[in-house]
C-alpha atoms as a PDB file:
ATOM      1  CA  MET A   1      37.476 166.987  68.004  1.00  0.00           C
ATOM      2  CA  ALA A   2      35.917 164.751  70.458  1.00  0.00           C
ATOM      3  CA  SER A   3      37.186 164.969  73.927  1.00  0.00           C
ATOM      4  CA  PHE A   4      38.599 161.810  75.858  1.00  0.00           C
ATOM      5  CA  ASN A   5      36.117 160.685  78.385  1.00  0.00           C
ATOM      6  CA  PRO A   6      37.788 159.011  81.107  1.00  0.00           C
ATOM      7  CA  ARG A   7      34.679 157.481  82.856  1.00  0.00           C
ATOM      8  CA  GLY A   8      33.682 155.852  79.414  1.00  0.00           C
ATOM      9  CA  PHE A   9      37.172 154.293  79.058  1.00  0.00           C
ATOM     10  CA  MET A  10      37.187 153.143  82.549  1.00  0.00           C
ATOM     11  CA  GLY A  11      34.008 151.615  82.078  1.00  0.00           C
ATOM     12  CA  PHE A  12      35.111 149.696  78.805  1.00  0.00           C
ATOM     13  CA  VAL A  13      38.207 148.488  80.852  1.00  0.00           C
ATOM     14  CA  VAL A  14      35.818 147.053  83.473  1.00  0.00           C
ATOM     15  CA  LEU A  15      33.728 145.282  81.244  1.00  0.00           C
ATOM     16  CA  ALA A  16      36.529 143.679  79.400  1.00  0.00           C
ATOM     17  CA  ALA A  17      37.831 142.649  82.788  1.00  0.00           C
ATOM     18  CA  VAL A  18      34.449 141.043  83.483  1.00  0.00           C
ATOM     19  CA  ILE A  19      34.207 139.325  80.293  1.00  0.00           C
ATOM     20  CA  ALA A  20      37.779 138.020  80.847  1.00  0.00           C
ATOM     21  CA  LEU A  21      37.295 136.494  84.329  1.00  0.00           C
ATOM     22  CA  VAL A  22      33.683 134.884  83.003  1.00  0.00           C
ATOM     23  CA  LEU A  23      35.593 133.360  80.290  1.00  0.00           C
ATOM     24  CA  PHE A  24      38.520 132.190  82.710  1.00  0.00           C
ATOM     25  CA  GLY A  25      35.807 130.898  85.090  1.00  0.00           C
ATOM     26  CA  VAL A  26      33.905 129.184  82.250  1.00  0.00           C
ATOM     27  CA  THR A  27      37.206 127.351  80.903  1.00  0.00           C
ATOM     28  CA  SER A  28      38.778 126.772  84.563  1.00  0.00           C
ATOM     29  CA  CYS A  29      35.226 125.310  85.774  1.00  0.00           C
ATOM     30  CA  GLY A  30      35.136 122.733  83.083  1.00  0.00           C
ATOM     31  CA  LYS A  31      37.124 119.896  81.157  1.00  0.00           C
ATOM     32  CA  THR A  32      36.789 118.549  77.727  1.00  0.00           C
ATOM     33  CA  VAL A  33      36.657 114.857  77.407  1.00  0.00           C
ATOM     34  CA  GLU A  34      38.355 114.155  73.894  1.00  0.00           C
ATOM     35  CA  PRO A  35      36.916 111.489  71.364  1.00  0.00           C
ATOM     36  CA  GLY A  36      37.633 107.885  72.076  1.00  0.00           C
ATOM     37  CA  ASN A  37      37.566 108.489  75.758  1.00  0.00           C
ATOM     38  CA  ALA A  38      35.055 108.251  78.568  1.00  0.00           C
ATOM     39  CA  GLY A  39      35.034 110.893  81.353  1.00  0.00           C
ATOM     40  CA  VAL A  40      34.865 109.825  85.232  1.00  0.00           C
ATOM     41  CA  LYS A  41      33.834 112.635  87.503  1.00  0.00           C
ATOM     42  CA  ILE A  42      35.133 112.604  90.881  1.00  0.00           C
ATOM     43  CA  ARG A  43      33.691 114.773  93.925  1.00  0.00           C
ATOM     44  CA  THR A  44      35.817 115.384  96.795  1.00  0.00           C
ATOM     45  CA  LEU A  45      33.523 117.749  98.793  1.00  0.00           C
ATOM     46  CA  GLY A  46      30.086 117.601 100.263  1.00  0.00           C
ATOM     47  CA  PRO A  47      27.653 114.530 101.021  1.00  0.00           C
ATOM     48  CA  SER A  48      27.971 113.290  97.292  1.00  0.00           C
ATOM     49  CA  ALA A  49      31.873 112.808  97.364  1.00  0.00           C
ATOM     50  CA  GLY A  50      33.005 110.207  95.446  1.00  0.00           C
ATOM     51  CA  VAL A  51      32.937 108.881  92.035  1.00  0.00           C
ATOM     52  CA  ASP A  52      29.961 109.461  89.849  1.00  0.00           C
ATOM     53  CA  PRO A  53      28.770 106.067  88.452  1.00  0.00           C
ATOM     54  CA  GLU A  54      27.677 107.604  85.322  1.00  0.00           C
ATOM     55  CA  PRO A  55      30.495 107.991  82.478  1.00  0.00           C
ATOM     56  CA  LEU A  56      30.928 111.106  80.614  1.00  0.00           C
ATOM     57  CA  ASN A  57      30.690 111.554  77.016  1.00  0.00           C
ATOM     58  CA  SER A  58      33.105 113.022  74.651  1.00  0.00           C
ATOM     59  CA  GLY A  59      33.022 116.924  74.773  1.00  0.00           C
ATOM     60  CA  TRP A  60      32.828 119.723  77.182  1.00  0.00           C
ATOM     61  CA  HIS A  61      31.607 119.060  80.919  1.00  0.00           C
ATOM     62  CA  PHE A  62      31.288 121.254  83.857  1.00  0.00           C
ATOM     63  CA  LYS A  63      33.539 120.890  86.684  1.00  0.00           C
ATOM     64  CA  GLY A  64      32.293 122.633  89.936  1.00  0.00           C
ATOM     65  CA  VAL A  65      34.273 123.247  93.249  1.00  0.00           C
ATOM     66  CA  GLY A  66      36.102 120.274  94.495  1.00  0.00           C
ATOM     67  CA  GLU A  67      35.514 118.053  91.352  1.00  0.00           C
ATOM     68  CA  ARG A  68      37.740 116.713  88.731  1.00  0.00           C
ATOM     69  CA  ILE A  69      37.364 114.559  85.677  1.00  0.00           C
ATOM     70  CA  VAL A  70      39.401 111.772  84.508  1.00  0.00           C
ATOM     71  CA  GLU A  71      39.543 110.367  81.499  1.00  0.00           C
ATOM     72  CA  PHE A  72      39.881 106.664  80.210  1.00  0.00           C
ATOM     73  CA  PRO A  73      40.444 105.673  76.536  1.00  0.00           C
ATOM     74  CA  VAL A  74      37.472 103.375  75.718  1.00  0.00           C
ATOM     75  CA  ILE A  75      38.738 102.549  71.994  1.00  0.00           C
ATOM     76  CA  GLN A  76      40.692  99.347  71.343  1.00  0.00           C
ATOM     77  CA  ARG A  77      44.273  99.912  72.205  1.00  0.00           C
ATOM     78  CA  THR A  78      47.476  97.346  71.937  1.00  0.00           C
ATOM     79  CA  TYR A  79      50.226  97.898  74.734  1.00  0.00           C
ATOM     80  CA  SER A  80      53.597  96.185  74.662  1.00  0.00           C
ATOM     81  CA  TYR A  81      55.764  95.116  77.551  1.00  0.00           C
ATOM     82  CA  THR A  82      59.166  95.072  76.408  1.00  0.00           C
ATOM     83  CA  ARG A  83      62.762  95.616  77.956  1.00  0.00           C
ATOM     84  CA  GLU A  84      63.419  98.107  75.321  1.00  0.00           C
ATOM     85  CA  ALA A  85      62.280 102.064  75.735  1.00  0.00           C
ATOM     86  CA  ASP A  86      58.791 102.796  74.541  1.00  0.00           C
ATOM     87  CA  GLU A  87      56.402 105.577  74.095  1.00  0.00           C
ATOM     88  CA  ARG A  88      55.710 105.244  78.134  1.00  0.00           C
ATOM     89  CA  GLY A  89      59.223 105.578  78.906  1.00  0.00           C
ATOM     90  CA  PRO A  90      62.746 103.745  79.390  1.00  0.00           C
ATOM     91  CA  GLU A  91      61.803 101.162  81.767  1.00  0.00           C
ATOM     92  CA  ASN A  92      62.320  97.487  81.391  1.00  0.00           C
ATOM     93  CA  GLU A  93      58.767  95.910  81.323  1.00  0.00           C
ATOM     94  CA  GLU A  94      60.084  92.529  80.050  1.00  0.00           C
ATOM     95  CA  ILE A  95      57.992  89.634  81.610  1.00  0.00           C
ATOM     96  CA  ALA A  96      59.925  87.332  83.426  1.00  0.00           C
ATOM     97  CA  PHE A  97      59.011  83.541  84.291  1.00  0.00           C
ATOM     98  CA  ALA A  98      60.145  80.385  84.944  1.00  0.00           C
ATOM     99  CA  ASP A  99      59.372  76.654  83.676  1.00  0.00           C
ATOM    100  CA  ASN A 100      58.798  73.719  85.714  1.00  0.00           C
ATOM    101  CA  THR A 101      62.255  73.268  86.929  1.00  0.00           C
ATOM    102  CA  GLY A 102      62.698  76.743  88.015  1.00  0.00           C
ATOM    103  CA  LEU A 103      64.775  77.773  84.780  1.00  0.00           C
ATOM    104  CA  PRO A 104      64.110  81.767  84.547  1.00  0.00           C
ATOM    105  CA  MET A 105      63.275  82.877  81.175  1.00  0.00           C
ATOM    106  CA  THR A 106      62.155  86.488  80.021  1.00  0.00           C
ATOM    107  CA  ALA A 107      59.997  87.660  76.842  1.00  0.00           C
ATOM    108  CA  ASP A 108      58.363  90.501  75.448  1.00  0.00           C
ATOM    109  CA  VAL A 109      54.603  90.486  75.506  1.00  0.00           C
ATOM    110  CA  ALA A 110      51.535  92.754  73.846  1.00  0.00           C
ATOM    111  CA  ILE A 111      48.260  93.012  75.037  1.00  0.00           C
ATOM    112  CA  THR A 112      45.127  94.470  72.929  1.00  0.00           C
ATOM    113  CA  LEU A 113      42.153  95.658  75.056  1.00  0.00           C
ATOM    114  CA  GLN A 114      39.164  97.748  75.395  1.00  0.00           C
ATOM    115  CA  VAL A 115      37.406  99.382  78.200  1.00  0.00           C
ATOM    116  CA  ASN A 116      33.397  99.390  78.295  1.00  0.00           C
ATOM    117  CA  PRO A 117      32.699 103.042  78.656  1.00  0.00           C
ATOM    118  CA  ALA A 118      29.778 102.183  81.232  1.00  0.00           C
ATOM    119  CA  SER A 119      32.193 100.303  83.224  1.00  0.00           C
ATOM    120  CA  ALA A 120      34.955 102.934  83.674  1.00  0.00           C
ATOM    121  CA  PRO A 121      33.552 105.092  86.788  1.00  0.00           C
ATOM    122  CA  ASN A 122      33.503 101.565  88.531  1.00  0.00           C
ATOM    123  CA  LEU A 123      37.083 100.673  87.325  1.00  0.00           C
ATOM    124  CA  TYR A 124      38.172 103.923  88.681  1.00  0.00           C
ATOM    125  CA  LYS A 125      36.531 103.472  91.965  1.00  0.00           C
ATOM    126  CA  THR A 126      38.129  99.943  92.527  1.00  0.00           C
ATOM    127  CA  TYR A 127      41.712 100.924  91.818  1.00  0.00           C
ATOM    128  CA  ARG A 128      41.816 104.595  91.696  1.00  0.00           C
ATOM    129  CA  LEU A 129      44.276 104.753  88.958  1.00  0.00           C
ATOM    130  CA  SER A 130      44.288 106.041  85.626  1.00  0.00           C
ATOM    131  CA  PHE A 131      44.312 103.881  82.813  1.00  0.00           C
ATOM    132  CA  ASP A 132      48.099 103.941  82.095  1.00  0.00           C
ATOM    133  CA  GLN A 133      48.653 103.388  85.508  1.00  0.00           C
ATOM    134  CA  LEU A 134      46.392 100.255  85.422  1.00  0.00           C
ATOM    135  CA  LEU A 135      48.586  99.179  82.232  1.00  0.00           C
ATOM    136  CA  ASP A 136      51.816  99.533  84.194  1.00  0.00           C
ATOM    137  CA  GLY A 137      50.494  98.093  87.447  1.00  0.00           C
ATOM    138  CA  PRO A 138      47.744  95.950  88.024  1.00  0.00           C
ATOM    139  CA  ILE A 139      47.167  94.773  84.615  1.00  0.00           C
ATOM    140  CA  ARG A 140      50.924  94.080  83.720  1.00  0.00           C
ATOM    141  CA  ASN A 141      51.281  92.156  87.510  1.00  0.00           C
ATOM    142  CA  ASP A 142      48.192  89.965  86.260  1.00  0.00           C
ATOM    143  CA  VAL A 143      49.691  89.235  82.729  1.00  0.00           C
ATOM    144  CA  ARG A 144      53.159  88.294  84.555  1.00  0.00           C
ATOM    145  CA  SER A 145      51.444  85.892  86.811  1.00  0.00           C
ATOM    146  CA  ALA A 146      49.111  84.328  84.404  1.00  0.00           C
ATOM    147  CA  ILE A 147      52.063  83.461  82.436  1.00  0.00           C
ATOM    148  CA  ALA A 148      54.085  82.539  85.076  1.00  0.00           C
ATOM    149  CA  ALA A 149      51.354  80.013  86.317  1.00  0.00           C
ATOM    150  CA  GLU A 150      51.376  78.748  83.106  1.00  0.00           C
ATOM    151  CA  THR A 151      54.857  78.049  82.121  1.00  0.00           C
ATOM    152  CA  GLU A 152      55.563  76.552  85.635  1.00  0.00           C
ATOM    153  CA  ARG A 153      53.564  73.439  84.094  1.00  0.00           C
ATOM    154  CA  VAL A 154      55.609  72.787  81.181  1.00  0.00           C
ATOM    155  CA  ASN A 155      59.261  72.473  80.832  1.00  0.00           C
ATOM    156  CA  VAL A 156      61.834  74.264  78.294  1.00  0.00           C
ATOM    157  CA  ASP A 157      61.826  71.719  75.515  1.00  0.00           C
ATOM    158  CA  GLN A 158      58.039  71.885  75.461  1.00  0.00           C
ATOM    159  CA  LEU A 159      58.060  75.570  75.117  1.00  0.00           C
ATOM    160  CA  TYR A 160      61.205  75.911  72.575  1.00  0.00           C
ATOM    161  CA  SER A 161      59.322  73.143  70.475  1.00  0.00           C
ATOM    162  CA  GLY A 162      56.072  74.907  69.792  1.00  0.00           C
ATOM    163  CA  GLY A 163      54.230  74.800  73.234  1.00  0.00           C
ATOM    164  CA  ARG A 164      54.745  78.487  74.094  1.00  0.00           C
ATOM    165  CA  GLN A 165      51.463  79.500  71.878  1.00  0.00           C
ATOM    166  CA  GLN A 166      49.335  77.055  74.239  1.00  0.00           C
ATOM    167  CA  VAL A 167      50.990  78.756  77.378  1.00  0.00           C
ATOM    168  CA  ILE A 168      50.264  82.048  76.085  1.00  0.00           C
ATOM    169  CA  GLN A 169      46.352  81.326  75.218  1.00  0.00           C
ATOM    170  CA  ARG A 170      45.919  79.882  78.388  1.00  0.00           C
ATOM    171  CA  ALA A 171      47.510  82.672  80.065  1.00  0.00           C
ATOM    172  CA  MET A 172      45.128  85.252  78.429  1.00  0.00           C
ATOM    173  CA  ALA A 173      42.159  83.176  79.332  1.00  0.00           C
ATOM    174  CA  ARG A 174      43.250  83.641  82.952  1.00  0.00           C
ATOM    175  CA  VAL A 175      43.381  87.375  82.364  1.00  0.00           C
ATOM    176  CA  GLN A 176      40.267  87.847  80.607  1.00  0.00           C
ATOM    177  CA  ALA A 177      38.615  86.024  83.229  1.00  0.00           C
ATOM    178  CA  LYS A 178      39.488  88.562  85.932  1.00  0.00           C
ATOM    179  CA  TRP A 179      39.670  91.836  83.982  1.00  0.00           C
ATOM    180  CA  GLY A 180      36.161  91.096  82.192  1.00  0.00           C
ATOM    181  CA  ARG A 181      34.370  91.421  85.701  1.00  0.00           C
ATOM    182  CA  TYR A 182      35.771  95.302  85.480  1.00  0.00           C
ATOM    183  CA  GLY A 183      34.697  95.767  81.949  1.00  0.00           C
ATOM    184  CA  VAL A 184      38.028  95.415  80.447  1.00  0.00           C
ATOM    185  CA  GLN A 185      37.672  93.395  77.291  1.00  0.00           C
ATOM    186  CA  ILE A 186      41.176  91.379  76.354  1.00  0.00           C
ATOM    187  CA  SER A 187      40.870  90.384  72.745  1.00  0.00           C
ATOM    188  CA  GLN A 188      44.490  89.377  72.487  1.00  0.00           C
ATOM    189  CA  LEU A 189      47.786  88.278  74.223  1.00  0.00           C
ATOM    190  CA  GLU A 190      50.728  87.385  72.183  1.00  0.00           C
ATOM    191  CA  TRP A 191      54.483  86.835  72.421  1.00  0.00           C
ATOM    192  CA  ILE A 192      56.673  89.626  70.798  1.00  0.00           C
ATOM    193  CA  GLY A 193      59.517  87.998  69.150  1.00  0.00           C
ATOM    194  CA  THR A 194      60.960  84.750  70.773  1.00  0.00           C
ATOM    195  CA  ILE A 195      61.527  83.632  74.218  1.00  0.00           C
ATOM    196  CA  ARG A 196      64.782  84.681  75.850  1.00  0.00           C
ATOM    197  CA  TYR A 197      66.449  81.594  77.250  1.00  0.00           C
ATOM    198  CA  PRO A 198      69.567  81.234  79.035  1.00  0.00           C
ATOM    199  CA  GLU A 199      72.678  80.904  76.571  1.00  0.00           C
ATOM    200  CA  VAL A 200      73.825  77.587  78.153  1.00  0.00           C
ATOM    201  CA  ILE A 201      70.052  76.148  77.675  1.00  0.00           C
ATOM    202  CA  LEU A 202      69.782  77.539  74.251  1.00  0.00           C
ATOM    203  CA  ASN A 203      73.151  75.831  73.223  1.00  0.00           C
ATOM    204  CA  ALA A 204      71.904  72.396  74.798  1.00  0.00           C
ATOM    205  CA  ILE A 205      68.546  72.592  73.099  1.00  0.00           C
ATOM    206  CA  GLN A 206      69.930  73.316  69.821  1.00  0.00           C
ATOM    207  CA  ALA A 207      72.486  70.522  70.210  1.00  0.00           C
ATOM    208  CA  LYS A 208      69.721  68.111  71.078  1.00  0.00           C
ATOM    209  CA  THR A 209      67.650  69.306  68.009  1.00  0.00           C
ATOM    210  CA  ARG A 210      70.584  68.550  65.577  1.00  0.00           C
ATOM    211  CA  THR A 211      71.236  65.123  67.213  1.00  0.00           C
ATOM    212  CA  GLU A 212      67.692  64.229  66.624  1.00  0.00           C
ATOM    213  CA  GLN A 213      67.771  65.383  63.176  1.00  0.00           C
ATOM    214  CA  GLU A 214      70.861  63.456  62.438  1.00  0.00           C
ATOM    215  CA  THR A 215      69.233  60.539  64.004  1.00  0.00           C
ATOM    216  CA  LEU A 216      66.269  60.767  61.789  1.00  0.00           C
ATOM    217  CA  THR A 217      68.256  61.015  58.886  1.00  0.00           C
ATOM    218  CA  ALA A 218      70.351  57.955  59.526  1.00  0.00           C
ATOM    219  CA  ARG A 219      67.176  55.868  60.027  1.00  0.00           C
ATOM    220  CA  ALA A 220      65.764  57.118  56.811  1.00  0.00           C
ATOM    221  CA  GLN A 221      69.038  55.871  55.092  1.00  0.00           C
ATOM    222  CA  VAL A 222      69.000  52.640  56.900  1.00  0.00           C
ATOM    223  CA  ALA A 223      65.243  52.207  55.827  1.00  0.00           C
ATOM    224  CA  LYS A 224      66.095  53.007  52.254  1.00  0.00           C
ATOM    225  CA  ALA A 225      69.074  50.884  52.419  1.00  0.00           C
ATOM    226  CA  GLN A 226      66.876  47.882  53.572  1.00  0.00           C
ATOM    227  CA  ALA A 227      64.042  48.662  51.171  1.00  0.00           C
ATOM    228  CA  GLN A 228      66.557  48.671  48.137  1.00  0.00           C
ATOM    229  CA  ALA A 229      68.053  45.035  49.512  1.00  0.00           C
ATOM    230  CA  GLU A 230      64.714  43.637  49.869  1.00  0.00           C
ATOM    231  CA  ALA A 231      63.722  44.853  46.234  1.00  0.00           C
ATOM    232  CA  GLN A 232      67.109  43.209  44.796  1.00  0.00           C
ATOM    233  CA  ILE A 233      66.224  39.792  47.137  1.00  0.00           C
ATOM    234  CA  ALA A 234      62.657  39.683  45.615  1.00  0.00           C
ATOM    235  CA  ALA A 235      63.905  40.551  41.974  1.00  0.00           C
ATOM    236  CA  ALA A 236      66.289  37.530  42.350  1.00  0.00           C
ATOM    237  CA  ARG A 237      63.887  35.318  43.791  1.00  0.00           C
ATOM    238  CA  GLY A 238      61.699  36.030  41.180  1.00  0.00           C
ATOM    239  CA  GLN A 239      64.255  35.413  38.239  1.00  0.00           C
ATOM    240  CA  ALA A 240      65.445  31.983  40.082  1.00  0.00           C
ATOM    241  CA  GLU A 241      61.481  31.080  40.389  1.00  0.00           C
ATOM    242  CA  SER A 242      61.272  32.026  36.626  1.00  0.00           C
ATOM    243  CA  ILE A 243      64.356  29.794  35.671  1.00  0.00           C
ATOM    244  CA  ARG A 244      63.003  26.943  37.459  1.00  0.00           C
ATOM    245  CA  ILE A 245      59.533  26.991  35.870  1.00  0.00           C
ATOM    246  CA  ILE A 246      61.508  27.174  32.465  1.00  0.00           C
ATOM    247  CA  ASN A 247      63.438  24.198  33.497  1.00  0.00           C
ATOM    248  CA  GLU A 248      60.580  22.151  34.469  1.00  0.00           C
ATOM    249  CA  ALA A 249      58.529  22.964  31.397  1.00  0.00           C
ATOM    250  CA  LEU A 250      61.701  22.089  29.267  1.00  0.00           C
ATOM    251  CA  ALA A 251      62.111  18.651  31.081  1.00  0.00           C
ATOM    252  CA  ALA A 252      58.583  17.887  30.384  1.00  0.00           C
ATOM    253  CA  ASN A 253      58.673  18.725  26.721  1.00  0.00           C
ATOM    254  CA  PRO A 254      62.244  17.731  25.470  1.00  0.00           C
ATOM    255  CA  TYR A 255      61.502  18.545  21.833  1.00  0.00           C
ATOM    256  CA  TYR A 256      60.278  21.879  22.519  1.00  0.00           C
ATOM    257  CA  VAL A 257      64.025  23.389  21.940  1.00  0.00           C
ATOM    258  CA  GLN A 258      64.113  21.483  18.753  1.00  0.00           C
ATOM    259  CA  LEU A 259      60.709  22.980  17.616  1.00  0.00           C
ATOM    260  CA  LYS A 260      61.935  26.383  18.117  1.00  0.00           C
ATOM    261  CA  ALA A 261      65.373  26.047  16.343  1.00  0.00           C
ATOM    262  CA  VAL A 262      63.237  24.423  13.109  1.00  0.00           C
ATOM    263  CA  GLU A 263      60.863  27.635  13.335  1.00  0.00           C
ATOM    264  CA  LYS A 264      64.174  29.640  12.954  1.00  0.00           C
ATOM    265  CA  TRP A 265      65.950  27.504  10.348  1.00  0.00           C
ATOM    266  CA  ASP A 266      66.091  29.162   6.872  1.00  0.00           C
ATOM    267  CA  GLY A 267      66.472  25.726   5.174  1.00  0.00           C
ATOM    268  CA  LYS A 268      70.370  25.854   4.527  1.00  0.00           C
ATOM    269  CA  MET A 269      72.861  23.093   5.819  1.00  0.00           C
ATOM    270  CA  PRO A 270      75.493  24.470   7.857  1.00  0.00           C
ATOM    271  CA  GLN A 271      78.883  24.558   6.089  1.00  0.00           C
ATOM    272  CA  VAL A 272      80.804  24.052   8.962  1.00  0.00           C
ATOM    273  CA  THR A 273      79.501  22.547  12.385  1.00  0.00           C
ATOM    274  CA  GLY A 274      82.735  22.734  14.220  1.00  0.00           C
ATOM    275  CA  GLY A 275      82.366  19.209  15.257  1.00  0.00           C
ATOM    276  CA  ALA A 276      78.827  19.808  16.596  1.00  0.00           C
ATOM    277  CA  THR A 277      75.919  17.656  15.443  1.00  0.00           C
ATOM    278  CA  PRO A 278      73.151  19.604  13.685  1.00  0.00           C
ATOM    279  CA  PHE A 279      70.000  19.628  15.064  1.00  0.00           C
ATOM    280  CA  VAL A 280      68.364  17.761  12.103  1.00  0.00           C
ATOM    281  CA  PRO A 281      70.075  14.430  11.187  1.00  0.00           C
ATOM    282  CA  VAL A 282      72.098  14.759   7.948  1.00  0.00           C
ATOM    283  CA  PRO A 283      71.740  11.699   5.808  1.00  0.00           C
ATOM    284  CA  GLN A 284      75.016   9.562   5.009  1.00  0.00           C
ATOM    285  CA  PRO A 285      76.257   9.072   1.483  1.00  0.00           C
ATOM    286  CA  ALA A 286      75.643   5.344   0.314  1.00  0.00           C
ATOM    287  CA  ALA A 287      78.660   3.144   0.626  1.00  0.00           C
ATOM    288  CA  ARG A 288      80.208   2.364  -2.873  1.00  0.00           C
ATOM    289  CA  GLN A 289      79.686  -1.643  -3.908  1.00  0.00           C
END
């Protein structure tokens, strides 16, 4: 039976502890950049302190003393600013704006965007914010400002009657122009649902729309009645003109009626004339001597 060797056991324990420390040191001195993200390395110590200008690809990267790595999503993603709770929290993020009369309105808006991986370091260096913080702060503020600037150029009637799409497209152009300089490509900005108007204004707009529709219907009915009347007048004029032409023709040809009657006569003399004179003279019997 083998005897217990204390020295050998202690050596094993020490070796295991060293391996554990090495593994802990390796894992704690590195970070894995997940697929679909770009890493930004920040140095807080030494002469090279600051943001590393080169982005880190997905995978494991060494992180030395005084260094940390921030991840930026670089795949296309869509984010919504709504008054309802979403995946980022229960905060009301709806966009508020007004028309050219100062009438207040709100709406939910969705933005689709993508960060250029090469621009991620400079983006972080400029704002010192994570991407989610950018979405909740500067990007949302610019979306709100762009929409407000465009809605101030129109009135509520124009927004309600279809002008809202032009407003959101012009607002998107404003946001694209700014964030494109930082490598953030905005491909879409759109309303989610309808604009929320004050109830009294919505009722007034709907009443005005109904009145306009009723007016158009009434005008169409009047136009139809006028067309029917004009058609009847034209038909009567045509009939009168036809009669006039026939009368003139008969006056110019007095024997025409007799000719048509002869064409229809079957050769039999009428038995009763009712006091009328036949169209063909009837010979009278000779007088007796």
